[in-house]
Amino acid sequence: MGWLKRLFGMEKPENAQVNPTPQVVQQAAATATQTIPPERLGLNGEYDQSGLAKRVTLAFDEDAQLDDVDTLWVAQTGSTVVLKGKVPSQNILNKMISVAGSVHGATSVDTNQVTVG
């Protein structure tokens, strides 16, 4: 089972991307448009409240060095990626921090709730 399936109960959507191009959101007035904040950008460029967390899990799935660690969860608070749970080694945690921090919209990675070992 992959990260996306385990954490969000979904298979990878067709054309899903870690850093998609945002879709333009039309407002009530025909001329008004609004762009989606980077941390709310979904897997296909749509608005998604958990978009950053989903894109980070997709990035984890796409990284051959990161197997699904079933004792770790990914969440987000605004533009901060929050990792919670347990990882087998500091090297794996460091790789996860690097991958999560490279996803567009992530301003920091919180690992205060992660234990190693």
Protein backbone atom coordinates (compact mmCIF):
# COMPACT_ATOMS: atom_id res chain seq x y z
CA MET A 1 0.00 0.00 0.00
CA GLY A 2 1.34 3.45 -0.76
CA TRP A 3 1.38 6.62 1.29
CA LEU A 4 -1.54 8.22 -0.56
CA LYS A 5 -3.72 5.11 -0.24
CA ARG A 6 -2.93 4.59 3.46
CA LEU A 7 -3.30 8.20 4.60
CA PHE A 8 -6.06 9.49 2.35
CA GLY A 9 -7.75 6.28 1.15
CA MET A 10 -7.18 7.14 -2.48
CA GLU A 11 -5.26 5.80 -5.44
CA LYS A 12 -3.03 8.20 -7.34
CA PRO A 13 -5.37 10.23 -9.58
CA GLU A 14 -4.58 10.34 -13.28
CA ASN A 15 -2.22 13.24 -14.06
CA ALA A 16 -1.58 13.87 -10.34
CA GLN A 17 1.51 15.97 -9.74
CA VAL A 18 3.56 16.95 -6.70
CA ASN A 19 3.77 20.53 -7.99
CA PRO A 20 0.81 21.05 -10.37
CA THR A 21 -0.14 24.26 -12.13
CA PRO A 22 -2.91 25.97 -10.15
CA GLN A 23 -6.35 26.14 -11.68
CA VAL A 24 -7.95 29.58 -11.78
CA VAL A 25 -10.99 29.92 -9.54
CA GLN A 26 -13.81 31.98 -11.02
CA GLN A 27 -15.61 34.28 -8.62
CA ALA A 28 -19.22 35.50 -8.83
CA ALA A 29 -18.22 38.54 -10.87
CA ALA A 30 -17.31 37.39 -14.36
CA THR A 31 -14.03 39.33 -14.37
CA ALA A 32 -12.79 38.42 -10.88
CA THR A 33 -10.42 35.50 -10.50
CA GLN A 34 -8.47 34.20 -7.58
CA THR A 35 -5.47 31.91 -7.46
CA ILE A 36 -5.31 29.02 -5.05
CA PRO A 37 -2.83 29.42 -2.18
CA PRO A 38 0.10 26.99 -2.68
CA GLU A 39 -0.66 25.07 0.53
CA ARG A 40 -4.26 24.43 -0.66
CA LEU A 41 -3.29 23.23 -4.13
CA GLY A 42 -4.57 19.71 -4.81
CA LEU A 43 -2.98 16.90 -6.78
CA ASN A 44 -4.38 18.15 -10.10
CA GLY A 45 -4.20 21.90 -9.45
CA GLU A 46 -7.66 22.14 -7.86
CA TYR A 47 -8.46 23.65 -4.45
CA ASP A 48 -7.99 21.08 -1.68
CA GLN A 49 -7.96 21.90 2.05
CA SER A 50 -5.38 19.11 2.56
CA GLY A 51 -3.59 19.72 -0.73
CA LEU A 52 -0.09 20.20 0.64
CA ALA A 53 -0.27 17.03 2.78
CA LYS A 54 -1.57 15.02 -0.19
CA ARG A 55 1.16 16.35 -2.47
CA VAL A 56 3.82 15.51 0.12
CA THR A 57 2.48 11.94 0.39
CA LEU A 58 2.56 11.72 -3.41
CA ALA A 59 6.19 12.90 -3.34
CA PHE A 60 6.95 10.19 -0.77
CA ASP A 61 5.26 7.60 -3.01
CA GLU A 62 7.30 8.75 -6.01
CA ASP A 63 10.65 8.59 -4.17
CA ALA A 64 12.12 5.10 -4.58
CA GLN A 65 14.13 5.51 -1.36
CA LEU A 66 11.01 6.03 0.78
CA ASP A 67 8.95 2.94 1.40
CA ASP A 68 5.59 3.50 3.05
CA VAL A 69 6.42 3.75 6.76
CA ASP A 70 3.08 2.64 8.23
CA THR A 71 3.87 4.23 11.60
CA LEU A 72 4.18 7.77 10.21
CA TRP A 73 1.42 10.20 9.24
CA VAL A 74 1.49 13.39 7.23
CA ALA A 75 -0.69 16.41 8.02
CA GLN A 76 -0.49 20.12 7.49
CA THR A 77 -1.07 23.28 9.47
CA GLY A 78 -1.28 26.07 6.93
CA SER A 79 1.94 25.84 4.93
CA THR A 80 3.76 23.71 7.53
CA VAL A 81 4.04 19.99 6.82
CA VAL A 82 3.52 18.06 10.06
CA LEU A 83 5.02 14.58 10.40
CA LYS A 84 3.71 12.43 13.26
CA GLY A 85 4.60 8.96 14.46
CA LYS A 86 7.69 6.77 14.28
CA VAL A 87 10.39 6.26 11.66
CA PRO A 88 13.01 3.48 11.62
CA SER A 89 16.08 5.73 11.30
CA GLN A 90 17.32 9.30 11.34
CA ASN A 91 18.45 8.90 7.71
CA ILE A 92 14.89 8.14 6.61
CA LEU A 93 13.55 11.09 8.61
CA ASN A 94 16.16 13.41 7.06
CA LYS A 95 15.16 12.23 3.57
CA MET A 96 11.48 12.79 4.38
CA ILE A 97 12.20 16.31 5.64
CA SER A 98 14.12 17.06 2.44
CA VAL A 99 11.37 15.69 0.17
CA ALA A 100 8.54 17.39 2.11
CA GLY A 101 10.38 20.71 2.18
CA SER A 102 10.86 20.63 -1.59
CA VAL A 103 7.11 20.50 -2.31
CA HIS A 104 5.76 23.83 -3.53
CA GLY A 105 3.85 25.60 -0.77
CA ALA A 106 5.76 24.01 2.13
CA THR A 107 7.41 26.68 4.26
CA SER A 108 8.60 24.32 7.01
CA VAL A 109 8.48 20.71 8.21
CA ASP A 110 7.50 20.03 11.83
CA THR A 111 8.96 16.80 13.22
CA ASN A 112 8.32 17.45 16.93
CA GLN A 113 5.89 14.52 17.01
CA VAL A 114 8.25 12.00 15.38
CA THR A 115 10.30 9.42 17.23
CA VAL A 116 13.24 7.58 15.68
CA GLY A 117 14.00 3.94 16.30
